Amino acid sequence: MDCNKYYIVRANRAGVFFGHIHERTGDEVTMTDVRRLWYWAGAASLSQMAVDGVSKPHDCKFTVTVPEMTILGVIEIIPCTDKAASCILGVMEWRA
């Protein structure tokens, strides 16, 4: 995997994440510069989000960026286009 590329990673029980993949071992992935994608609007699926981004960025809930995180139980890894990564990076951090 290209460590400079952005990916969307879906885990069995932990949710959906966006960031760089630093290392992968089986269904365990360590990501850097990672955000949890808690709620999104303007994409019908994660596949569409990885290609197009989201069309309603103000309605999305993407968390703060964490420097590094290990995610267990990964069931899907989707590479993002440059367009999608730019769009996701542009979504304001959701804070309580």
N, C-alpha and C. Protein backbone atom coordinates (compact mmCIF):
# COMPACT_ATOMS: atom_id res chain seq x y z
N MET A 1 0.84 -1.18 0.00
CA MET A 1 0.00 0.00 0.00
C MET A 1 0.88 1.24 0.00
N ASP A 2 0.41 2.24 -0.68
CA ASP A 2 1.13 3.50 -0.80
C ASP A 2 0.88 4.34 0.46
N CYS A 3 1.90 4.58 1.26
CA CYS A 3 1.74 5.30 2.54
C CYS A 3 1.46 6.78 2.33
N ASN A 4 1.57 7.29 1.10
CA ASN A 4 1.25 8.69 0.82
C ASN A 4 -0.18 8.87 0.34
N LYS A 5 -0.84 7.77 0.05
CA LYS A 5 -2.21 7.78 -0.45
C LYS A 5 -3.19 7.75 0.72
N TYR A 6 -4.38 8.31 0.51
CA TYR A 6 -5.44 8.24 1.51
C TYR A 6 -6.35 7.06 1.22
N TYR A 7 -6.85 6.46 2.30
CA TYR A 7 -7.74 5.31 2.21
C TYR A 7 -8.93 5.51 3.14
N ILE A 8 -10.05 4.89 2.78
CA ILE A 8 -11.17 4.72 3.70
C ILE A 8 -11.12 3.28 4.16
N VAL A 9 -11.16 3.08 5.46
CA VAL A 9 -11.08 1.75 6.06
C VAL A 9 -12.34 1.52 6.89
N ARG A 10 -12.98 0.40 6.64
CA ARG A 10 -14.18 0.03 7.42
C ARG A 10 -13.83 -1.15 8.30
N ALA A 11 -14.15 -1.02 9.58
CA ALA A 11 -13.88 -2.09 10.54
C ALA A 11 -15.20 -2.73 10.96
N ASN A 12 -15.12 -3.99 11.33
CA ASN A 12 -16.30 -4.76 11.68
C ASN A 12 -17.10 -4.11 12.81
N ARG A 13 -16.43 -3.64 13.85
CA ARG A 13 -17.14 -3.10 15.00
C ARG A 13 -16.74 -1.68 15.37
N ALA A 14 -15.71 -1.15 14.75
CA ALA A 14 -15.18 0.16 15.17
C ALA A 14 -15.64 1.32 14.29
N GLY A 15 -16.21 1.04 13.14
CA GLY A 15 -16.68 2.12 12.28
C GLY A 15 -15.83 2.32 11.04
N VAL A 16 -15.83 3.56 10.56
CA VAL A 16 -15.19 3.91 9.30
C VAL A 16 -14.13 4.98 9.56
N PHE A 17 -12.98 4.84 8.90
CA PHE A 17 -11.83 5.72 9.14
C PHE A 17 -11.26 6.20 7.81
N PHE A 18 -10.61 7.37 7.85
CA PHE A 18 -9.97 7.96 6.68
C PHE A 18 -8.57 8.39 7.09
N GLY A 19 -7.58 8.01 6.30
CA GLY A 19 -6.21 8.43 6.58
C GLY A 19 -5.23 7.64 5.74
N HIS A 20 -3.97 7.72 6.14
CA HIS A 20 -2.90 6.98 5.47
C HIS A 20 -2.74 5.62 6.16
N ILE A 21 -2.45 4.59 5.40
CA ILE A 21 -2.17 3.28 5.98
C ILE A 21 -0.66 3.17 6.16
N HIS A 22 -0.26 3.03 7.41
CA HIS A 22 1.16 2.89 7.74
C HIS A 22 1.58 1.43 7.66
N GLU A 23 0.71 0.55 8.16
CA GLU A 23 1.05 -0.88 8.20
C GLU A 23 -0.23 -1.70 8.24
N ARG A 24 -0.17 -2.88 7.59
CA ARG A 24 -1.30 -3.80 7.62
C ARG A 24 -0.80 -5.19 7.91
N THR A 25 -1.45 -5.85 8.86
CA THR A 25 -1.17 -7.25 9.18
C THR A 25 -2.51 -7.96 9.33
N GLY A 26 -2.86 -8.77 8.36
CA GLY A 26 -4.17 -9.45 8.41
C GLY A 26 -5.29 -8.43 8.44
N ASP A 27 -6.16 -8.54 9.46
CA ASP A 27 -7.27 -7.60 9.57
C ASP A 27 -6.98 -6.47 10.56
N GLU A 28 -5.71 -6.19 10.79
CA GLU A 28 -5.27 -5.10 11.65
C GLU A 28 -4.53 -4.07 10.80
N VAL A 29 -4.95 -2.82 10.92
CA VAL A 29 -4.35 -1.74 10.13
C VAL A 29 -3.93 -0.61 11.07
N THR A 30 -2.72 -0.14 10.92
CA THR A 30 -2.27 1.05 11.63
C THR A 30 -2.32 2.21 10.64
N MET A 31 -3.05 3.26 11.03
CA MET A 31 -3.23 4.42 10.17
C MET A 31 -2.60 5.64 10.82
N THR A 32 -2.21 6.60 9.97
CA THR A 32 -1.71 7.87 10.45
C THR A 32 -2.58 9.00 9.89
N ASP A 33 -2.55 10.14 10.59
CA ASP A 33 -3.37 11.29 10.19
C ASP A 33 -4.80 10.83 9.92
N VAL A 34 -5.38 10.19 10.91
CA VAL A 34 -6.65 9.47 10.72
C VAL A 34 -7.82 10.19 11.37
N ARG A 35 -8.95 10.15 10.66
CA ARG A 35 -10.22 10.69 11.16
C ARG A 35 -11.26 9.59 11.11
N ARG A 36 -12.12 9.57 12.12
CA ARG A 36 -13.28 8.66 12.09
C ARG A 36 -14.39 9.37 11.31
N LEU A 37 -14.97 8.67 10.36
CA LEU A 37 -16.08 9.21 9.56
C LEU A 37 -17.36 8.73 10.22
N TRP A 38 -17.88 9.53 11.15
CA TRP A 38 -18.99 9.09 11.98
C TRP A 38 -20.32 9.19 11.25
N TYR A 39 -20.51 10.25 10.46
CA TYR A 39 -21.75 10.47 9.72
C TYR A 39 -21.41 11.25 8.46
N TRP A 40 -21.98 10.84 7.34
CA TRP A 40 -21.73 11.59 6.11
C TRP A 40 -23.02 11.81 5.36
N ALA A 41 -23.02 12.86 4.55
CA ALA A 41 -24.15 13.22 3.71
C ALA A 41 -23.61 13.58 2.33
N GLY A 42 -24.34 13.20 1.31
CA GLY A 42 -23.92 13.55 -0.04
C GLY A 42 -23.06 12.50 -0.72
N ALA A 43 -23.13 11.27 -0.21
CA ALA A 43 -22.51 10.11 -0.87
C ALA A 43 -23.38 8.91 -0.51
N ALA A 44 -23.74 8.13 -1.51
CA ALA A 44 -24.64 7.00 -1.28
C ALA A 44 -23.96 5.83 -0.59
N SER A 45 -22.62 5.75 -0.70
CA SER A 45 -21.89 4.63 -0.14
C SER A 45 -20.44 5.05 0.13
N LEU A 46 -19.72 4.20 0.83
CA LEU A 46 -18.29 4.46 1.03
C LEU A 46 -17.55 4.43 -0.29
N SER A 47 -17.98 3.57 -1.19
CA SER A 47 -17.35 3.50 -2.51
C SER A 47 -17.48 4.83 -3.24
N GLN A 48 -18.67 5.42 -3.22
CA GLN A 48 -18.86 6.71 -3.87
C GLN A 48 -18.04 7.79 -3.17
N MET A 49 -17.99 7.74 -1.83
CA MET A 49 -17.21 8.73 -1.09
C MET A 49 -15.73 8.64 -1.46
N ALA A 50 -15.22 7.42 -1.66
CA ALA A 50 -13.81 7.23 -2.00
C ALA A 50 -13.49 7.72 -3.41
N VAL A 51 -14.50 7.81 -4.26
CA VAL A 51 -14.30 8.28 -5.64
C VAL A 51 -14.60 9.78 -5.77
N ASP A 52 -15.74 10.21 -5.21
CA ASP A 52 -16.23 11.57 -5.42
C ASP A 52 -16.10 12.50 -4.21
N GLY A 53 -15.91 11.96 -3.03
CA GLY A 53 -16.01 12.76 -1.82
C GLY A 53 -17.47 12.89 -1.42
N VAL A 54 -17.82 13.96 -0.72
CA VAL A 54 -19.20 14.19 -0.31
C VAL A 54 -19.70 15.51 -0.90
N SER A 55 -20.97 15.56 -1.23
CA SER A 55 -21.52 16.79 -1.81
C SER A 55 -22.15 17.70 -0.77
N LYS A 56 -22.24 17.23 0.48
CA LYS A 56 -22.82 18.04 1.56
C LYS A 56 -21.85 18.07 2.75
N PRO A 57 -20.68 18.69 2.58
CA PRO A 57 -19.66 18.64 3.63
C PRO A 57 -20.09 19.28 4.95
N HIS A 58 -21.00 20.25 4.90
CA HIS A 58 -21.43 20.91 6.13
C HIS A 58 -22.35 20.02 6.97
N ASP A 59 -22.87 18.96 6.36
CA ASP A 59 -23.76 18.04 7.09
C ASP A 59 -23.02 16.81 7.62
N CYS A 60 -21.71 16.71 7.36
CA CYS A 60 -20.93 15.54 7.77
C CYS A 60 -20.39 15.70 9.18
N LYS A 61 -20.15 14.57 9.83
CA LYS A 61 -19.54 14.54 11.16
C LYS A 61 -18.29 13.68 11.08
N PHE A 62 -17.15 14.34 10.82
CA PHE A 62 -15.85 13.69 10.76
C PHE A 62 -15.04 14.23 11.93
N THR A 63 -14.47 13.34 12.72
CA THR A 63 -13.81 13.74 13.96
C THR A 63 -12.50 14.48 13.73
N VAL A 64 -11.89 14.86 14.85
CA VAL A 64 -10.55 15.46 14.82
C VAL A 64 -9.57 14.47 14.23
N THR A 65 -8.44 14.96 13.78
CA THR A 65 -7.39 14.11 13.22
C THR A 65 -6.51 13.59 14.35
N VAL A 66 -6.32 12.28 14.38
CA VAL A 66 -5.47 11.62 15.37
C VAL A 66 -4.17 11.24 14.67
N PRO A 67 -3.02 11.50 15.28
CA PRO A 67 -1.74 11.22 14.61
C PRO A 67 -1.56 9.75 14.21
N GLU A 68 -1.97 8.83 15.05
CA GLU A 68 -1.83 7.39 14.73
C GLU A 68 -2.88 6.59 15.47
N MET A 69 -3.39 5.54 14.81
CA MET A 69 -4.40 4.68 15.40
C MET A 69 -4.29 3.30 14.79
N THR A 70 -4.45 2.27 15.62
CA THR A 70 -4.50 0.90 15.14
C THR A 70 -5.95 0.44 15.18
N ILE A 71 -6.42 -0.07 14.06
CA ILE A 71 -7.81 -0.49 13.91
C ILE A 71 -7.83 -2.00 13.72
N LEU A 72 -8.63 -2.66 14.55
CA LEU A 72 -8.75 -4.11 14.51
C LEU A 72 -10.04 -4.49 13.77
N GLY A 73 -10.06 -5.68 13.19
CA GLY A 73 -11.26 -6.18 12.54
C GLY A 73 -11.60 -5.46 11.24
N VAL A 74 -10.59 -5.10 10.48
CA VAL A 74 -10.81 -4.39 9.21
C VAL A 74 -11.45 -5.34 8.20
N ILE A 75 -12.52 -4.87 7.57
CA ILE A 75 -13.22 -5.70 6.59
C ILE A 75 -13.25 -5.07 5.20
N GLU A 76 -12.80 -3.83 5.09
CA GLU A 76 -12.80 -3.17 3.78
C GLU A 76 -11.76 -2.06 3.77
N ILE A 77 -10.99 -1.99 2.68
CA ILE A 77 -10.01 -0.93 2.47
C ILE A 77 -10.24 -0.39 1.06
N ILE A 78 -10.54 0.92 0.98
CA ILE A 78 -10.86 1.53 -0.30
C ILE A 78 -9.89 2.69 -0.55
N PRO A 79 -9.11 2.64 -1.61
CA PRO A 79 -8.24 3.78 -1.93
C PRO A 79 -9.08 4.97 -2.39
N CYS A 80 -8.68 6.16 -1.98
CA CYS A 80 -9.40 7.39 -2.34
C CYS A 80 -8.74 8.05 -3.55
N THR A 81 -9.56 8.63 -4.38
CA THR A 81 -9.03 9.48 -5.45
C THR A 81 -8.53 10.77 -4.83
N ASP A 82 -7.72 11.51 -5.57
CA ASP A 82 -7.24 12.81 -5.08
C ASP A 82 -8.42 13.75 -4.84
N LYS A 83 -9.41 13.70 -5.72
CA LYS A 83 -10.61 14.53 -5.58
C LYS A 83 -11.32 14.22 -4.27
N ALA A 84 -11.53 12.95 -3.97
CA ALA A 84 -12.23 12.55 -2.75
C ALA A 84 -11.43 12.92 -1.50
N ALA A 85 -10.13 12.67 -1.53
CA ALA A 85 -9.29 13.00 -0.38
C ALA A 85 -9.33 14.49 -0.08
N SER A 86 -9.24 15.31 -1.10
CA SER A 86 -9.29 16.75 -0.93
C SER A 86 -10.63 17.18 -0.32
N CYS A 87 -11.69 16.59 -0.79
CA CYS A 87 -13.02 16.89 -0.28
C CYS A 87 -13.15 16.50 1.20
N ILE A 88 -12.75 15.29 1.53
CA ILE A 88 -12.84 14.79 2.92
C ILE A 88 -11.97 15.63 3.85
N LEU A 89 -10.77 15.96 3.40
CA LEU A 89 -9.89 16.80 4.20
C LEU A 89 -10.48 18.20 4.45
N GLY A 90 -11.34 18.63 3.55
CA GLY A 90 -11.95 19.94 3.67
C GLY A 90 -13.15 20.00 4.61
N VAL A 91 -13.63 18.85 5.06
CA VAL A 91 -14.76 18.82 5.99
C VAL A 91 -14.28 19.28 7.37
N MET A 92 -14.99 20.24 7.95
CA MET A 92 -14.62 20.77 9.26
C MET A 92 -14.65 19.66 10.31
N GLU A 93 -13.73 19.75 11.27
CA GLU A 93 -13.70 18.77 12.36
C GLU A 93 -14.94 18.91 13.21
N TRP A 94 -15.59 17.78 13.46
CA TRP A 94 -16.79 17.75 14.29
C TRP A 94 -16.38 17.66 15.74
N ARG A 95 -16.81 18.61 16.52
CA ARG A 95 -16.49 18.66 17.95
C ARG A 95 -17.76 18.94 18.74
N ALA A 96 -17.80 18.39 19.94
CA ALA A 96 -18.97 18.64 20.81
C ALA A 96 -18.83 19.98 21.48
